[in-house]
Amino acid sequence: MLRPARAGSRSSTSRSSTSRSSTSRRSSALAPVSAVGSRRGVLTGVLVVVALVVAGCSPTTKHQSSVQTTAGSAATSAPDASSAPDADLERFYSQRLEWEDCDAGECATAVVPVDYADPGGETTSLALARSRASGDRIGSLLLNPGGPGGSGLDFLASARDTVSDDVQERYDLVGFDPRGVQHSEPAIACYDGPQMDELTAFDADYSTPEGVQAAIDRYADFSQACLERTGPLLGHVDTVSAARDLDVLRAALGDDRLHYLGYSYGTQLGATYAALFPGNVGRLVLDGAIDPTLTPEQSALEQAVGFENALRAYVTDCQAGASCPLGGGVDDGMQQVRRLLDRARSAPLDTGDDDRPLTQALAFTGIAVTLYSESYWSYLTSGLRAAIQDDDGSVLLTLSDAYYNRSSDGTYSANQTEAFWSIGCADGRPTADPDEMAAEAERIVAAAPTVGSLFTYGGVLCAQWAVPEVGGLDNYSATGAAPILVVGTTNDPATPYEQAVALTSILDSGVLLTYEGEGHTAYGRSNDCVTENVDAYLLDGEVPAEGTRC
């Protein structure tokens, strides 16, 4: 997902597969401006946006479950409480899920502890939706569309078109909303619609100490609102806790091993699960992989370069056509995009809504969201043509609104942005030292001169976050796990390909499948070669030969 400061490509130097500092975190550095991050779920929404209609998530019916309920008429197979890692967790591992008809298919709720260090304390509920296997069932295939903060429950409808028929014949597809996300209860809540409008349009001034502090104060206010409206769960939405929830879901679904398809941030969640429960790993597909050992600063640099490269690929393609609004050569076209971003900052473009002109932050989000897939490039052309030729920012604003799940009535239909920032600040925090952020900004802009400035000063977001950092793991090698399939796309802007290479080397049993192409993630949007290799793994446990490229 778009974050305030992000990262692009990195060198192929090896990373340690065994340790990371407690201050490092995932591959999408936190950033407070246009937040560009690893969000697979956005792709589904943009399919509606590209028709210039702002998408809203379909609500589902009320989910029901209890840690002490008996099985209903559509209950899952009996869970195994003996698989609980601690006796205090047996009541969660042995819960039976009660499935009821809902808009998404069949829905249920699982209950997990807010704090795994205090399993007798408060609990939180996770929303699930299921599409049953049509044939000889292998088990459940849990789905995570990315984010962090993407709704797996809402993603289930798209997954029916993404996951091959052969896989759907053998697996129950199970979409789940991680703790704090969308339909889970409580869901992370922070600002109302008008407040979110102001925040997502905010162009911070990092040229002065006063400007940096003003940005820190703005995000501190946001985080305090999150704490007040969400409650104690806000301090426990970290990825490690969410991965422990996955093992509860595995047991409650009646599966001995976890079978899982995770995109983008979902790869970090899956890798964390494998590190915590290597003996419970079944068939894990990690597509659009994140290197969980990266520091936020490394991530910001890599993602900035990733989006710079994706934009350059778009400009090259655009200029080969007859109606491209970017003249001259590719370098000239990139400079025209930069001038547009600068103009939106100094004099926001008219959008037809006097209260919502197109700021630089909104313009960049509208541009970046189309770089997740080359199939969206024509809509970027429309947006740039309107902005450059007619000073009309309405198309880019519509694209930005879709990214943030903003509906035409001014409400936000999903809490992905709030969850994205909250989970990120729980997992790890970039430096908030002004001198260090300034030095980092110079490196990023030098590496990505067109969009790099939008990936800088990421530390302001979490500098005064309302709850403490939780952190990640020291070891992601997942020693003893069954083979894990890692999928990387060579020109992925949000999770650069080098991170897939790195994660494969970090995981003791990682196997890399490479898709040579554009866009974010591969399975379900690339080619038959990727589909056949992923399907062979999910259906028969067969991993691709080393060096397989599609």
Protein backbone atom coordinates (compact mmCIF):
# COMPACT_ATOMS: atom_id res chain seq x y z
CA MET A 1 0.00 0.00 0.00
CA LEU A 2 1.07 3.56 -0.47
CA ARG A 3 2.98 4.79 2.51
CA PRO A 4 4.62 8.01 3.31
CA ALA A 5 8.09 6.90 2.45
CA ARG A 6 8.99 3.82 0.66
CA ALA A 7 11.69 1.92 -1.12
CA GLY A 8 12.70 0.52 -4.47
CA SER A 9 15.29 -1.88 -5.85
CA ARG A 10 18.39 -3.02 -4.06
CA SER A 11 21.59 -4.78 -4.90
CA SER A 12 21.74 -8.54 -4.91
CA THR A 13 24.18 -8.73 -2.06
CA SER A 14 23.32 -11.48 0.37
CA ARG A 15 21.51 -10.84 3.62
CA SER A 16 21.82 -12.81 6.81
CA SER A 17 19.23 -15.55 6.95
CA THR A 18 19.33 -15.85 10.69
CA SER A 19 19.11 -12.50 12.40
CA ARG A 20 17.84 -8.98 12.29
CA SER A 21 17.94 -6.10 14.73
CA SER A 22 14.86 -5.29 16.74
CA THR A 23 14.57 -1.97 14.93
CA SER A 24 14.37 -3.40 11.43
CA ARG A 25 11.12 -4.27 9.79
CA ARG A 26 9.52 -5.29 6.57
CA SER A 27 10.12 -4.29 3.05
CA SER A 28 7.87 -1.30 2.81
CA ALA A 29 9.29 1.47 4.86
CA LEU A 30 6.76 3.53 6.67
CA ALA A 31 6.21 6.92 5.26
CA PRO A 32 3.85 9.73 5.90
CA VAL A 33 3.34 11.47 2.63
CA SER A 34 1.87 9.37 -0.13
CA ALA A 35 2.41 6.10 1.61
CA VAL A 36 3.39 3.76 -1.15
CA GLY A 37 3.56 0.24 0.09
CA SER A 38 3.07 -3.39 -0.62
CA ARG A 39 -0.62 -3.60 -1.13
CA ARG A 40 -1.92 -6.36 -3.35
CA GLY A 41 -5.52 -5.73 -2.30
CA VAL A 42 -5.54 -2.40 -4.08
CA LEU A 43 -5.44 -4.15 -7.43
CA THR A 44 -8.92 -5.50 -6.99
CA GLY A 45 -10.38 -2.12 -6.14
CA VAL A 46 -8.67 -0.40 -9.04
CA LEU A 47 -10.48 -2.65 -11.48
CA VAL A 48 -13.53 -0.65 -10.54
CA VAL A 49 -11.65 2.62 -10.36
CA VAL A 50 -10.35 2.36 -13.85
CA ALA A 51 -13.94 2.64 -14.92
CA LEU A 52 -13.77 5.88 -12.91
CA VAL A 53 -16.15 4.59 -10.29
CA VAL A 54 -14.98 4.65 -6.71
CA ALA A 55 -15.20 1.15 -5.32
CA GLY A 56 -16.71 0.35 -1.96
CA CYS A 57 -16.26 -2.91 -0.11
CA SER A 58 -19.35 -5.08 0.05
CA PRO A 59 -20.55 -5.51 3.60
CA THR A 60 -21.15 -9.00 4.79
CA THR A 61 -23.65 -10.31 7.21
CA LYS A 62 -22.84 -10.60 10.90
CA HIS A 63 -20.23 -13.24 11.67
CA GLN A 64 -20.80 -15.51 14.61
CA SER A 65 -18.62 -17.75 16.71
CA SER A 66 -17.45 -18.35 20.24
CA VAL A 67 -14.52 -20.04 21.88
CA GLN A 68 -16.95 -22.25 23.75
CA THR A 69 -19.65 -22.82 21.16
CA THR A 70 -20.72 -26.23 19.93
CA ALA A 71 -20.70 -27.08 16.27
CA GLY A 72 -23.58 -25.82 14.17
CA SER A 73 -25.04 -27.52 11.16
CA ALA A 74 -22.18 -26.23 9.01
CA ALA A 75 -19.36 -26.55 11.52
CA THR A 76 -15.83 -27.35 10.42
CA SER A 77 -14.15 -30.67 11.08
CA ALA A 78 -13.12 -31.18 14.67
CA PRO A 79 -10.18 -29.00 15.73
CA ASP A 80 -7.23 -30.47 17.57
CA ALA A 81 -6.54 -28.74 20.87
CA SER A 82 -3.42 -30.88 21.30
CA SER A 83 -1.70 -28.74 18.69
CA ALA A 84 -1.84 -25.70 20.97
CA PRO A 85 1.70 -24.59 21.88
CA ASP A 86 0.56 -23.78 25.42
CA ALA A 87 -2.16 -25.25 27.64
CA ASP A 88 -3.52 -21.77 28.26
CA LEU A 89 -4.30 -21.52 24.55
CA GLU A 90 -6.20 -24.80 24.23
CA ARG A 91 -9.61 -23.13 24.42
CA PHE A 92 -8.74 -21.08 21.36
CA TYR A 93 -7.27 -23.97 19.39
CA SER A 94 -10.25 -26.20 20.16
CA GLN A 95 -12.98 -23.70 19.24
CA ARG A 96 -15.49 -24.79 16.62
CA LEU A 97 -16.35 -22.36 13.87
CA GLU A 98 -20.02 -21.88 13.08
CA TRP A 99 -20.54 -21.06 9.42
CA GLU A 100 -23.54 -19.10 8.21
CA ASP A 101 -24.59 -17.86 4.81
CA CYS A 102 -23.38 -14.33 4.07
CA ASP A 103 -22.74 -12.05 1.09
CA ALA A 104 -19.25 -13.51 0.69
CA GLY A 105 -20.45 -17.14 0.76
CA GLU A 106 -20.14 -18.74 4.19
CA CYS A 107 -18.92 -16.63 7.11
CA ALA A 108 -17.73 -17.36 10.62
CA THR A 109 -15.77 -15.74 13.41
CA ALA A 110 -12.76 -17.03 15.32
CA VAL A 111 -11.73 -15.73 18.73
CA VAL A 112 -8.09 -15.15 19.71
CA PRO A 113 -6.38 -13.47 22.66
CA VAL A 114 -5.53 -9.80 22.30
CA ASP A 115 -2.20 -10.47 24.03
CA TYR A 116 -0.66 -13.92 23.70
CA ALA A 117 1.36 -13.23 26.84
CA ASP A 118 -1.98 -12.99 28.68
CA PRO A 119 -4.28 -15.60 27.08
CA GLY A 120 -6.73 -15.29 29.94
CA GLY A 121 -7.25 -11.60 29.26
CA GLU A 122 -9.24 -9.75 26.62
CA THR A 123 -10.06 -11.39 23.28
CA THR A 124 -10.59 -10.16 19.74
CA SER A 125 -12.61 -11.66 16.89
CA LEU A 126 -11.36 -12.51 13.41
CA ALA A 127 -13.77 -12.52 10.47
CA LEU A 128 -13.62 -15.37 7.96
CA ALA A 129 -15.37 -16.25 4.71
CA ARG A 130 -15.20 -19.58 2.90
CA SER A 131 -15.79 -21.00 -0.55
CA ARG A 132 -15.96 -24.78 -0.31
CA ALA A 133 -13.88 -27.17 -2.39
CA SER A 134 -15.85 -28.67 -5.26
CA GLY A 135 -14.03 -31.99 -5.31
CA ASP A 136 -11.69 -34.22 -3.32
CA ARG A 137 -10.60 -31.81 -0.58
CA ILE A 138 -6.96 -31.36 0.45
CA GLY A 139 -7.74 -28.78 3.14
CA SER A 140 -8.21 -25.05 3.60
CA LEU A 141 -6.20 -22.49 1.63
CA LEU A 142 -6.01 -19.30 3.68
CA LEU A 143 -5.78 -16.09 1.67
CA ASN A 144 -4.14 -12.77 2.47
CA PRO A 145 -4.30 -10.03 -0.22
CA GLY A 146 -1.62 -7.80 1.28
CA GLY A 147 -1.51 -4.43 2.91
CA PRO A 148 -0.96 -4.69 5.77
CA GLY A 149 -4.63 -4.08 6.32
CA GLY A 150 -6.14 -5.81 3.29
CA SER A 151 -9.40 -7.66 3.88
CA GLY A 152 -9.13 -11.32 2.98
CA LEU A 153 -12.87 -11.64 3.47
CA ASP A 154 -13.56 -9.03 0.81
CA PHE A 155 -10.81 -10.51 -1.36
CA LEU A 156 -12.52 -13.90 -1.50
CA ALA A 157 -14.80 -12.90 -4.39
CA SER A 158 -11.79 -11.83 -6.47
CA ALA A 159 -9.87 -14.93 -5.42
CA ARG A 160 -12.49 -17.06 -7.13
CA ASP A 161 -11.36 -15.46 -10.38
CA THR A 162 -7.66 -15.42 -9.45
CA VAL A 163 -7.11 -18.93 -8.11
CA SER A 164 -7.34 -21.64 -10.76
CA ASP A 165 -10.36 -23.94 -10.98
CA ASP A 166 -8.14 -26.95 -10.28
CA VAL A 167 -7.03 -25.47 -6.96
CA GLN A 168 -10.59 -24.49 -6.04
CA GLU A 169 -11.65 -28.06 -6.68
CA ARG A 170 -9.23 -29.35 -4.03
CA TYR A 171 -9.20 -26.55 -1.42
CA ASP A 172 -11.69 -24.59 0.59
CA LEU A 173 -10.70 -20.97 -0.11
CA VAL A 174 -10.75 -19.11 3.20
CA GLY A 175 -10.43 -15.35 3.29
CA PHE A 176 -9.72 -13.88 6.71
CA ASP A 177 -9.37 -10.40 8.12
CA PRO A 178 -6.34 -10.17 10.43
CA ARG A 179 -6.73 -8.62 13.86
CA GLY A 180 -7.89 -5.02 13.63
CA VAL A 181 -8.75 -5.23 9.92
CA GLN A 182 -12.10 -4.33 8.36
CA HIS A 183 -14.68 -6.94 9.48
CA SER A 184 -12.75 -8.26 12.47
CA GLU A 185 -13.81 -6.83 15.82
CA PRO A 186 -12.74 -4.45 17.05
CA ALA A 187 -11.49 -2.95 13.80
CA ILE A 188 -8.87 -0.24 13.94
CA ALA A 189 -10.64 3.13 13.75
CA CYS A 190 -9.01 6.56 13.83
CA TYR A 191 -10.38 9.53 11.88
CA ASP A 192 -13.72 10.32 10.27
CA GLY A 193 -14.03 11.01 6.55
CA PRO A 194 -13.21 14.74 6.51
CA GLN A 195 -10.21 14.18 8.79
CA MET A 196 -8.92 11.41 6.52
CA ASP A 197 -9.38 13.71 3.52
CA GLU A 198 -7.10 16.26 5.16
CA LEU A 199 -4.51 13.67 6.13
CA THR A 200 -4.24 11.93 2.77
CA ALA A 201 -3.96 15.32 0.99
CA PHE A 202 -1.31 16.62 3.40
CA ASP A 203 1.87 17.97 1.77
CA ALA A 204 4.39 18.17 4.58
CA ASP A 205 7.23 20.70 4.59
CA TYR A 206 10.45 18.93 5.53
CA SER A 207 12.70 21.84 4.61
CA THR A 208 12.65 23.28 8.14
CA PRO A 209 12.76 21.79 11.65
CA GLU A 210 9.39 23.42 12.28
CA GLY A 211 7.92 21.67 9.26
CA VAL A 212 9.24 18.29 10.36
CA GLN A 213 7.82 18.77 13.85
CA ALA A 214 4.47 19.85 12.42
CA ALA A 215 4.31 16.56 10.50
CA ILE A 216 5.24 14.58 13.61
CA ASP A 217 2.51 16.35 15.57
CA ARG A 218 -0.07 15.67 12.87
CA TYR A 219 0.59 11.94 12.90
CA ALA A 220 0.77 11.90 16.69
CA ASP A 221 -2.77 13.29 16.75
CA PHE A 222 -3.82 10.61 14.28
CA SER A 223 -2.34 7.83 16.41
CA GLN A 224 -3.96 9.16 19.56
CA ALA A 225 -7.31 9.08 17.78
CA CYS A 226 -6.57 5.46 16.80
CA LEU A 227 -5.92 4.54 20.43
CA GLU A 228 -9.02 6.30 21.69
CA ARG A 229 -11.32 4.70 19.12
CA THR A 230 -9.69 1.26 18.92
CA GLY A 231 -8.67 0.57 22.50
CA PRO A 232 -5.98 -1.80 23.83
CA LEU A 233 -5.92 -3.88 20.63
CA LEU A 234 -3.95 -1.08 18.94
CA GLY A 235 -0.89 -2.16 20.91
CA HIS A 236 -1.21 -5.77 19.65
CA VAL A 237 -1.78 -5.53 15.88
CA ASP A 238 1.80 -6.53 15.07
CA THR A 239 2.63 -9.18 12.49
CA VAL A 240 3.95 -11.69 15.02
CA SER A 241 0.60 -11.68 16.85
CA ALA A 242 -1.24 -11.98 13.52
CA ALA A 243 0.95 -14.97 12.60
CA ARG A 244 0.08 -16.66 15.89
CA ASP A 245 -3.57 -16.07 15.00
CA LEU A 246 -2.96 -18.00 11.78
CA ASP A 247 -2.05 -21.09 13.76
CA VAL A 248 -5.25 -20.80 15.77
CA LEU A 249 -7.19 -20.55 12.50
CA ARG A 250 -5.38 -23.61 11.13
CA ALA A 251 -6.43 -25.66 14.14
CA ALA A 252 -9.98 -24.29 14.25
CA LEU A 253 -10.39 -25.16 10.56
CA GLY A 254 -9.38 -28.73 11.36
CA ASP A 255 -6.13 -28.74 9.36
CA ASP A 256 -2.93 -30.41 10.52
CA ARG A 257 -0.82 -28.10 8.34
CA LEU A 258 -1.30 -24.53 7.17
CA HIS A 259 -1.86 -24.09 3.44
CA TYR A 260 -1.61 -20.43 2.53
CA LEU A 261 -1.55 -17.98 -0.38
CA GLY A 262 -0.19 -14.59 0.65
CA TYR A 263 0.43 -11.61 -1.60
CA SER A 264 2.73 -8.68 -0.85
CA TYR A 265 2.55 -7.99 2.91
CA GLY A 266 0.90 -11.39 3.08
CA THR A 267 4.35 -12.83 2.31
CA GLN A 268 5.75 -11.22 5.45
CA LEU A 269 2.88 -12.65 7.45
CA GLY A 270 3.43 -16.09 5.90
CA ALA A 271 7.20 -15.99 6.46
CA THR A 272 6.63 -14.99 10.08
CA TYR A 273 4.25 -17.92 10.51
CA ALA A 274 6.80 -20.30 9.04
CA ALA A 275 9.47 -19.02 11.41
CA LEU A 276 7.20 -19.44 14.43
CA PHE A 277 5.63 -22.79 13.45
CA PRO A 278 7.95 -24.52 10.94
CA GLY A 279 6.55 -27.93 11.76
CA ASN A 280 3.02 -26.80 10.86
CA VAL A 281 3.93 -25.49 7.39
CA GLY A 282 2.02 -27.17 4.61
CA ARG A 283 2.06 -25.47 1.21
CA LEU A 284 2.85 -21.77 1.45
CA VAL A 285 2.87 -19.51 -1.62
CA LEU A 286 4.47 -16.12 -0.95
CA ASP A 287 3.87 -13.91 -4.01
CA GLY A 288 5.30 -10.39 -4.31
CA ALA A 289 7.75 -11.19 -1.57
CA ILE A 290 8.95 -8.89 1.18
CA ASP A 291 12.35 -9.25 2.82
CA PRO A 292 11.47 -9.07 6.54
CA THR A 293 15.09 -8.36 7.51
CA LEU A 294 15.20 -4.97 5.79
CA THR A 295 15.36 -1.84 7.90
CA PRO A 296 12.70 0.81 7.18
CA GLU A 297 15.37 2.97 5.60
CA GLN A 298 16.52 0.20 3.26
CA SER A 299 12.91 -0.50 2.38
CA ALA A 300 12.17 3.13 1.57
CA LEU A 301 15.12 3.32 -0.80
CA GLU A 302 14.25 0.07 -2.53
CA GLN A 303 10.62 0.93 -3.04
CA ALA A 304 11.38 4.43 -4.31
CA VAL A 305 13.62 2.93 -6.97
CA GLY A 306 10.98 0.29 -7.70
CA PHE A 307 8.34 2.92 -8.45
CA GLU A 308 10.85 5.01 -10.38
CA ASN A 309 11.61 2.02 -12.61
CA ALA A 310 7.92 1.19 -13.03
CA LEU A 311 7.14 4.79 -13.99
CA ARG A 312 9.99 4.74 -16.52
CA ALA A 313 8.58 1.55 -18.05
CA TYR A 314 5.18 3.25 -18.30
CA VAL A 315 6.64 6.37 -19.93
CA THR A 316 8.51 4.23 -22.47
CA ASP A 317 5.30 2.42 -23.36
CA CYS A 318 3.24 5.63 -23.39
CA GLN A 319 5.58 7.42 -25.78
CA ALA A 320 5.39 4.51 -28.20
CA GLY A 321 1.70 5.32 -28.68
CA ALA A 322 -0.02 8.13 -30.53
CA SER A 323 -1.86 9.88 -27.69
CA CYS A 324 0.77 10.12 -24.97
CA PRO A 325 0.70 13.47 -23.09
CA LEU A 326 4.43 13.18 -22.36
CA GLY A 327 6.61 14.54 -25.16
CA GLY A 328 10.28 14.11 -26.03
CA GLY A 329 12.32 11.14 -24.91
CA VAL A 330 11.85 9.02 -21.82
CA ASP A 331 13.98 11.31 -19.65
CA ASP A 332 11.92 14.27 -20.83
CA GLY A 333 8.72 12.40 -19.99
CA MET A 334 9.95 11.60 -16.49
CA GLN A 335 10.81 15.26 -15.95
CA GLN A 336 7.31 16.26 -17.05
CA VAL A 337 5.81 13.99 -14.41
CA ARG A 338 8.13 15.56 -11.83
CA ARG A 339 7.05 19.05 -12.90
CA LEU A 340 3.42 18.03 -12.51
CA LEU A 341 4.10 16.81 -8.98
CA ASP A 342 5.90 20.06 -8.15
CA ARG A 343 3.07 22.13 -9.60
CA ALA A 344 0.48 20.22 -7.58
CA ARG A 345 2.44 21.07 -4.47
CA SER A 346 2.80 24.80 -5.15
CA ALA A 347 -0.65 25.27 -6.71
CA PRO A 348 -2.98 22.27 -6.26
CA LEU A 349 -4.98 21.46 -9.39
CA ASP A 350 -8.70 21.99 -9.71
CA THR A 351 -10.78 18.82 -9.45
CA GLY A 352 -14.31 20.18 -9.65
CA ASP A 353 -14.52 19.99 -5.85
CA ASP A 354 -13.44 23.26 -4.24
CA ASP A 355 -12.79 21.48 -0.95
CA ARG A 356 -10.50 18.84 -2.51
CA PRO A 357 -7.94 20.20 -4.94
CA LEU A 358 -5.25 17.80 -6.17
CA THR A 359 -2.24 18.19 -3.89
CA GLN A 360 1.13 16.60 -4.54
CA ALA A 361 0.36 13.77 -2.13
CA LEU A 362 -2.91 12.97 -3.89
CA ALA A 363 -1.35 13.31 -7.34
CA PHE A 364 1.42 10.88 -6.50
CA THR A 365 -1.01 8.37 -5.02
CA GLY A 366 -3.13 8.57 -8.17
CA ILE A 367 -0.05 7.93 -10.30
CA ALA A 368 1.45 5.21 -8.14
CA VAL A 369 -1.71 3.13 -7.87
CA THR A 370 -1.72 2.61 -11.66
CA LEU A 371 1.83 1.26 -11.58
CA TYR A 372 0.73 -1.89 -9.76
CA SER A 373 -0.24 -3.42 -13.11
CA GLU A 374 0.46 -2.51 -16.72
CA SER A 375 -3.24 -3.12 -17.42
CA TYR A 376 -3.89 0.19 -15.60
CA TRP A 377 -1.46 2.27 -17.64
CA SER A 378 -4.13 3.61 -19.98
CA TYR A 379 -5.86 5.19 -17.00
CA LEU A 380 -2.64 6.87 -15.96
CA THR A 381 -2.42 8.27 -19.47
CA SER A 382 -5.93 9.70 -19.07
CA GLY A 383 -5.04 11.19 -15.71
CA LEU A 384 -1.80 12.75 -16.92
CA ARG A 385 -3.41 14.12 -20.08
CA ALA A 386 -6.15 15.83 -18.07
CA ALA A 387 -3.68 17.21 -15.53
CA ILE A 388 -0.92 18.34 -17.92
CA GLN A 389 -3.00 19.59 -20.82
CA ASP A 390 -6.11 20.88 -19.05
CA ASP A 391 -4.98 21.54 -15.45
CA ASP A 392 -7.68 19.05 -14.45
CA GLY A 393 -6.80 16.90 -11.44
CA SER A 394 -10.12 15.06 -11.22
CA VAL A 395 -8.97 11.79 -12.82
CA LEU A 396 -5.90 11.47 -10.60
CA LEU A 397 -8.04 12.33 -7.59
CA THR A 398 -10.47 9.55 -8.49
CA LEU A 399 -7.60 7.08 -8.74
CA SER A 400 -6.21 8.25 -5.40
CA ASP A 401 -9.62 7.94 -3.78
CA ALA A 402 -9.87 4.36 -4.99
CA TYR A 403 -6.54 3.56 -3.44
CA TYR A 404 -7.74 4.89 -0.09
CA ASN A 405 -11.19 3.26 -0.39
CA ARG A 406 -12.89 6.66 -0.33
CA SER A 407 -16.48 6.62 -1.54
CA SER A 408 -18.16 9.46 -3.41
CA ASP A 409 -20.15 10.39 -0.30
CA GLY A 410 -16.93 11.20 1.57
CA THR A 411 -16.83 8.09 3.72
CA TYR A 412 -14.10 5.46 3.67
CA SER A 413 -15.42 1.97 3.03
CA ALA A 414 -12.42 0.15 4.47
CA ASN A 415 -9.97 0.79 7.28
CA GLN A 416 -6.94 -0.31 5.28
CA THR A 417 -5.06 2.96 5.62
CA GLU A 418 -5.53 3.09 9.39
CA ALA A 419 -4.57 -0.57 9.68
CA PHE A 420 -1.61 -0.11 7.34
CA TRP A 421 -0.04 2.60 9.46
CA SER A 422 -0.97 1.00 12.78
CA ILE A 423 0.51 -2.39 11.91
CA GLY A 424 3.58 -0.75 10.43
CA CYS A 425 4.25 1.29 13.55
CA ALA A 426 3.77 -1.81 15.69
CA ASP A 427 6.28 -3.83 13.67
CA GLY A 428 9.11 -1.33 13.55
CA ARG A 429 9.97 2.34 13.29
CA PRO A 430 12.29 4.34 11.07
CA THR A 431 14.60 6.85 12.66
CA ALA A 432 12.91 10.15 13.52
CA ASP A 433 16.19 12.01 13.92
CA PRO A 434 15.95 15.05 11.57
CA ASP A 435 19.58 14.90 10.48
CA GLU A 436 19.41 11.18 9.73
CA MET A 437 16.14 11.60 7.82
CA ALA A 438 17.67 14.45 5.80
CA ALA A 439 20.69 12.34 4.87
CA GLU A 440 18.44 9.44 3.93
CA ALA A 441 16.33 11.77 1.80
CA GLU A 442 19.39 12.80 -0.20
CA ARG A 443 20.21 9.16 -0.94
CA ILE A 444 16.66 8.35 -1.99
CA VAL A 445 16.24 11.37 -4.26
CA ALA A 446 19.61 10.67 -5.89
CA ALA A 447 18.50 7.11 -6.63
CA ALA A 448 14.94 8.02 -7.72
CA PRO A 449 14.89 11.64 -8.90
CA THR A 450 11.31 11.63 -10.19
CA VAL A 451 9.39 10.13 -7.27
CA GLY A 452 12.02 9.66 -4.58
CA SER A 453 11.04 12.71 -2.54
CA LEU A 454 7.68 11.07 -1.86
CA PHE A 455 9.47 8.26 -0.02
CA THR A 456 11.42 10.40 2.41
CA TYR A 457 11.02 11.36 6.06
CA GLY A 458 9.11 8.17 6.85
CA GLY A 459 10.12 8.45 10.50
CA VAL A 460 7.65 11.24 11.22
CA LEU A 461 4.69 8.87 11.08
CA CYS A 462 5.67 6.70 14.04
CA ALA A 463 7.81 9.21 15.92
CA GLN A 464 5.16 9.79 18.58
CA TRP A 465 2.90 6.79 17.99
CA ALA A 466 0.45 6.27 20.82
CA VAL A 467 1.51 2.69 21.69
CA PRO A 468 4.98 1.11 21.97
CA GLU A 469 6.73 -0.73 19.15
CA VAL A 470 6.38 -4.52 19.33
CA GLY A 471 8.97 -5.50 16.73
CA GLY A 472 9.53 -8.60 14.64
CA LEU A 473 11.60 -11.77 14.89
CA ASP A 474 15.33 -12.30 15.11
CA ASN A 475 15.28 -15.36 12.87
CA TYR A 476 13.17 -16.00 9.77
CA SER A 477 14.94 -19.12 8.51
CA ALA A 478 12.03 -21.45 9.40
CA THR A 479 14.37 -24.39 9.85
CA GLY A 480 12.55 -27.69 9.40
CA ALA A 481 9.68 -26.30 7.34
CA ALA A 482 8.43 -28.03 4.21
CA PRO A 483 9.36 -26.35 0.91
CA ILE A 484 7.96 -22.80 0.64
CA LEU A 485 7.30 -21.28 -2.79
CA VAL A 486 8.41 -17.65 -3.20
CA VAL A 487 7.23 -15.77 -6.31
CA GLY A 488 8.88 -12.58 -7.56
CA THR A 489 8.17 -10.26 -10.48
CA THR A 490 11.22 -8.69 -12.11
CA ASN A 491 9.82 -5.14 -12.30
CA ASP A 492 7.51 -5.13 -9.30
CA PRO A 493 7.39 -1.54 -7.98
CA ALA A 494 5.94 -2.21 -4.54
CA THR A 495 7.97 -5.27 -3.57
CA PRO A 496 11.07 -5.19 -5.79
CA TYR A 497 12.28 -8.50 -7.20
CA GLU A 498 15.48 -8.44 -5.18
CA GLN A 499 13.39 -8.96 -2.08
CA ALA A 500 12.00 -12.22 -3.45
CA VAL A 501 15.56 -13.37 -4.06
CA ALA A 502 16.49 -12.36 -0.53
CA LEU A 503 13.51 -14.06 1.12
CA THR A 504 14.22 -17.27 -0.78
CA SER A 505 17.75 -17.30 0.65
CA ILE A 506 16.55 -16.41 4.15
CA LEU A 507 14.10 -19.32 4.26
CA ASP A 508 15.92 -22.62 4.68
CA SER A 509 13.38 -24.31 2.42
CA GLY A 510 12.59 -21.39 0.10
CA VAL A 511 12.21 -22.04 -3.63
CA LEU A 512 12.05 -19.10 -6.07
CA LEU A 513 9.74 -18.80 -9.07
CA THR A 514 10.49 -15.73 -11.24
CA TYR A 515 7.98 -13.92 -13.43
CA GLU A 516 9.67 -11.69 -16.01
CA GLY A 517 7.25 -8.82 -16.31
CA GLU A 518 5.72 -5.63 -14.97
CA GLY A 519 3.47 -5.01 -11.99
CA HIS A 520 2.88 -6.17 -8.46
CA THR A 521 2.66 -9.96 -7.81
CA ALA A 522 2.20 -12.66 -10.42
CA TYR A 523 -0.17 -15.55 -9.63
CA GLY A 524 -3.54 -14.90 -11.23
CA ARG A 525 -2.40 -11.90 -13.31
CA SER A 526 0.63 -12.98 -15.33
CA ASN A 527 0.86 -16.07 -17.57
CA ASP A 528 0.20 -19.80 -17.80
CA CYS A 529 3.75 -20.64 -16.76
CA VAL A 530 3.28 -19.02 -13.35
CA THR A 531 -0.16 -20.59 -12.91
CA GLU A 532 1.04 -24.07 -13.80
CA ASN A 533 4.00 -23.92 -11.43
CA VAL A 534 2.01 -22.56 -8.51
CA ASP A 535 -0.79 -25.05 -9.11
CA ALA A 536 1.63 -27.99 -9.24
CA TYR A 537 2.96 -26.92 -5.86
CA LEU A 538 -0.47 -26.43 -4.26
CA LEU A 539 -1.99 -29.59 -5.70
CA ASP A 540 0.93 -32.04 -5.64
CA GLY A 541 3.64 -30.39 -3.54
CA GLU A 542 5.94 -30.15 -6.57
CA VAL A 543 8.30 -27.17 -6.48
CA PRO A 544 9.73 -25.60 -9.65
CA ALA A 545 13.22 -26.50 -10.76
CA GLU A 546 15.90 -24.12 -9.52
CA GLY A 547 16.13 -21.04 -11.72
CA THR A 548 12.65 -21.39 -13.24
CA ARG A 549 11.64 -18.17 -15.00
CA CYS A 550 8.29 -17.48 -16.62
